[in-house]
Amino acid sequence: MKNDDLRADRDELDHFAPRTPAKRSNNLVMQVAAGVFLGGLALWLVQLITTMLYAKLMLATVTFGG
C-alpha cells in the first residue's frame, strides 16, 4: 500500500468549550422514587386481586349473574 502510516491525528481541543457537568435535579429523583413506589403498589394490588379471584374459583363460590 502506498500510505501505510494510518494513524489518526489528534483533534484540536482549543475551539471546544468545556461543558459543565449536569447536576441531577432533586425533582427527577423524586419522580423516579414515586414511579417505583406506585409501580410496586400497582403490582401488589394486581397480585392481591388475582389471588382473591383464584381462591373464590377454587372454593367454587363464584356466581355469574345470579
N, C-alpha and C. Protein backbone atom coordinates (compact mmCIF):
# COMPACT_ATOMS: atom_id res chain seq x y z
N MET A 1 0.85 -1.19 0.00
CA MET A 1 0.00 0.00 0.00
C MET A 1 0.88 1.24 0.00
N LYS A 2 0.35 2.27 -0.56
CA LYS A 2 1.13 3.49 -0.71
C LYS A 2 1.29 4.23 0.63
N ASN A 3 0.20 4.31 1.42
CA ASN A 3 0.23 5.08 2.66
C ASN A 3 -0.04 4.14 3.83
N ASP A 4 1.01 3.51 4.37
CA ASP A 4 0.85 2.55 5.46
C ASP A 4 0.74 3.22 6.83
N ASP A 5 1.08 4.48 6.92
CA ASP A 5 1.04 5.17 8.21
C ASP A 5 -0.36 5.77 8.40
N LEU A 6 -1.27 4.98 8.95
CA LEU A 6 -2.67 5.40 9.05
C LEU A 6 -3.05 5.73 10.49
N ARG A 7 -2.26 6.54 11.13
CA ARG A 7 -2.59 6.94 12.49
C ARG A 7 -3.50 8.16 12.46
N ALA A 8 -4.42 8.21 13.41
CA ALA A 8 -5.35 9.34 13.47
C ALA A 8 -4.65 10.54 14.08
N ASP A 9 -4.96 11.71 13.55
CA ASP A 9 -4.43 12.94 14.11
C ASP A 9 -5.26 13.33 15.32
N ARG A 10 -4.61 13.97 16.26
CA ARG A 10 -5.34 14.44 17.44
C ARG A 10 -6.21 15.63 17.06
N ASP A 11 -7.40 15.67 17.66
CA ASP A 11 -8.28 16.81 17.43
C ASP A 11 -7.75 18.01 18.21
N GLU A 12 -7.94 19.16 17.65
CA GLU A 12 -7.59 20.38 18.35
C GLU A 12 -8.71 20.73 19.31
N LEU A 13 -8.41 20.72 20.59
CA LEU A 13 -9.44 20.97 21.59
C LEU A 13 -9.54 22.44 21.98
N ASP A 14 -8.83 23.30 21.27
CA ASP A 14 -8.84 24.71 21.65
C ASP A 14 -10.19 25.37 21.35
N HIS A 15 -10.86 24.98 20.29
CA HIS A 15 -12.09 25.65 19.91
C HIS A 15 -13.33 24.99 20.51
N PHE A 16 -13.15 23.98 21.37
CA PHE A 16 -14.28 23.38 22.05
C PHE A 16 -14.38 23.94 23.46
N ALA A 17 -15.56 24.46 23.79
CA ALA A 17 -15.76 24.98 25.13
C ALA A 17 -16.09 23.82 26.07
N PRO A 18 -15.44 23.75 27.23
CA PRO A 18 -15.74 22.65 28.15
C PRO A 18 -17.15 22.78 28.70
N ARG A 19 -17.83 21.63 28.77
CA ARG A 19 -19.19 21.65 29.30
C ARG A 19 -19.14 21.48 30.82
N THR A 20 -20.05 22.15 31.48
CA THR A 20 -20.16 21.95 32.92
C THR A 20 -20.95 20.67 33.16
N PRO A 21 -20.56 19.88 34.12
CA PRO A 21 -21.29 18.64 34.36
C PRO A 21 -22.72 18.93 34.83
N ALA A 22 -23.67 18.21 34.24
CA ALA A 22 -25.08 18.45 34.57
C ALA A 22 -25.40 17.82 35.91
N LYS A 23 -26.01 18.59 36.77
CA LYS A 23 -26.43 18.06 38.06
C LYS A 23 -27.85 17.55 37.95
N ARG A 24 -28.10 16.42 38.54
CA ARG A 24 -29.46 15.90 38.55
C ARG A 24 -30.28 16.71 39.53
N SER A 25 -31.44 17.09 39.09
CA SER A 25 -32.28 17.87 39.98
C SER A 25 -32.96 16.94 40.97
N ASN A 26 -33.32 17.48 42.09
CA ASN A 26 -33.98 16.69 43.13
C ASN A 26 -35.37 16.25 42.66
N ASN A 27 -35.96 17.02 41.75
CA ASN A 27 -37.28 16.69 41.23
C ASN A 27 -37.26 15.37 40.46
N LEU A 28 -36.22 15.14 39.69
CA LEU A 28 -36.09 13.91 38.93
C LEU A 28 -35.97 12.71 39.87
N VAL A 29 -35.21 12.86 40.93
CA VAL A 29 -35.05 11.79 41.91
C VAL A 29 -36.39 11.46 42.54
N MET A 30 -37.16 12.47 42.87
CA MET A 30 -38.47 12.23 43.48
C MET A 30 -39.44 11.59 42.49
N GLN A 31 -39.36 11.96 41.22
CA GLN A 31 -40.23 11.34 40.21
C GLN A 31 -39.90 9.87 40.03
N VAL A 32 -38.62 9.53 40.01
CA VAL A 32 -38.24 8.13 39.87
C VAL A 32 -38.66 7.34 41.10
N ALA A 33 -38.46 7.89 42.28
CA ALA A 33 -38.86 7.20 43.51
C ALA A 33 -40.37 7.01 43.56
N ALA A 34 -41.13 8.01 43.16
CA ALA A 34 -42.58 7.88 43.15
C ALA A 34 -43.03 6.85 42.12
N GLY A 35 -42.37 6.81 40.97
CA GLY A 35 -42.72 5.82 39.96
C GLY A 35 -42.45 4.40 40.42
N VAL A 36 -41.33 4.19 41.08
CA VAL A 36 -41.01 2.86 41.60
C VAL A 36 -42.02 2.46 42.67
N PHE A 37 -42.35 3.39 43.56
CA PHE A 37 -43.30 3.09 44.63
C PHE A 37 -44.68 2.78 44.07
N LEU A 38 -45.18 3.62 43.16
CA LEU A 38 -46.51 3.40 42.60
C LEU A 38 -46.56 2.15 41.73
N GLY A 39 -45.49 1.85 41.03
CA GLY A 39 -45.44 0.62 40.25
C GLY A 39 -45.50 -0.61 41.13
N GLY A 40 -44.77 -0.59 42.23
CA GLY A 40 -44.82 -1.69 43.19
C GLY A 40 -46.19 -1.83 43.82
N LEU A 41 -46.81 -0.72 44.13
CA LEU A 41 -48.15 -0.75 44.71
C LEU A 41 -49.16 -1.32 43.72
N ALA A 42 -49.05 -0.94 42.47
CA ALA A 42 -49.96 -1.46 41.44
C ALA A 42 -49.77 -2.96 41.25
N LEU A 43 -48.52 -3.42 41.23
CA LEU A 43 -48.27 -4.85 41.11
C LEU A 43 -48.81 -5.62 42.30
N TRP A 44 -48.67 -5.06 43.48
CA TRP A 44 -49.19 -5.71 44.69
C TRP A 44 -50.71 -5.82 44.63
N LEU A 45 -51.38 -4.76 44.17
CA LEU A 45 -52.84 -4.80 44.08
C LEU A 45 -53.31 -5.82 43.04
N VAL A 46 -52.63 -5.90 41.92
CA VAL A 46 -52.98 -6.89 40.90
C VAL A 46 -52.80 -8.29 41.45
N GLN A 47 -51.73 -8.53 42.18
CA GLN A 47 -51.49 -9.84 42.77
C GLN A 47 -52.56 -10.17 43.81
N LEU A 48 -52.96 -9.19 44.59
CA LEU A 48 -53.99 -9.41 45.61
C LEU A 48 -55.32 -9.76 44.98
N ILE A 49 -55.71 -9.04 43.95
CA ILE A 49 -56.98 -9.30 43.27
C ILE A 49 -56.95 -10.66 42.60
N THR A 50 -55.84 -10.99 41.96
CA THR A 50 -55.71 -12.29 41.29
C THR A 50 -55.80 -13.42 42.30
N THR A 51 -55.16 -13.26 43.43
CA THR A 51 -55.20 -14.30 44.47
C THR A 51 -56.62 -14.45 45.02
N MET A 52 -57.33 -13.35 45.20
CA MET A 52 -58.71 -13.43 45.70
C MET A 52 -59.61 -14.13 44.69
N LEU A 53 -59.46 -13.80 43.41
CA LEU A 53 -60.28 -14.45 42.39
C LEU A 53 -59.95 -15.94 42.28
N TYR A 54 -58.69 -16.29 42.40
CA TYR A 54 -58.29 -17.69 42.33
C TYR A 54 -58.83 -18.46 43.53
N ALA A 55 -58.82 -17.85 44.70
CA ALA A 55 -59.36 -18.51 45.88
C ALA A 55 -60.86 -18.71 45.74
N LYS A 56 -61.57 -17.72 45.22
CA LYS A 56 -63.01 -17.88 45.01
C LYS A 56 -63.29 -18.98 43.99
N LEU A 57 -62.47 -19.06 42.97
CA LEU A 57 -62.66 -20.09 41.95
C LEU A 57 -62.41 -21.48 42.54
N MET A 58 -61.38 -21.61 43.37
CA MET A 58 -61.09 -22.90 43.98
C MET A 58 -62.15 -23.31 44.98
N LEU A 59 -62.76 -22.36 45.64
CA LEU A 59 -63.83 -22.68 46.60
C LEU A 59 -65.18 -22.79 45.91
N ALA A 60 -65.23 -22.57 44.62
CA ALA A 60 -66.44 -22.65 43.82
C ALA A 60 -67.54 -21.72 44.36
N THR A 61 -67.14 -20.55 44.78
CA THR A 61 -68.12 -19.58 45.28
C THR A 61 -68.32 -18.45 44.29
N VAL A 62 -67.85 -18.62 43.06
CA VAL A 62 -68.03 -17.59 42.03
C VAL A 62 -69.40 -17.78 41.43
N THR A 63 -70.19 -16.72 41.43
CA THR A 63 -71.51 -16.79 40.79
C THR A 63 -71.53 -15.80 39.63
N PHE A 64 -72.02 -16.25 38.51
CA PHE A 64 -72.07 -15.41 37.32
C PHE A 64 -73.51 -14.98 37.07
N GLY A 65 -73.82 -13.74 37.37
CA GLY A 65 -75.11 -13.17 37.02
C GLY A 65 -76.30 -13.74 37.77
N GLY A 66 -76.09 -14.39 38.86
CA GLY A 66 -77.22 -14.98 39.55
C GLY A 66 -77.25 -14.55 40.94
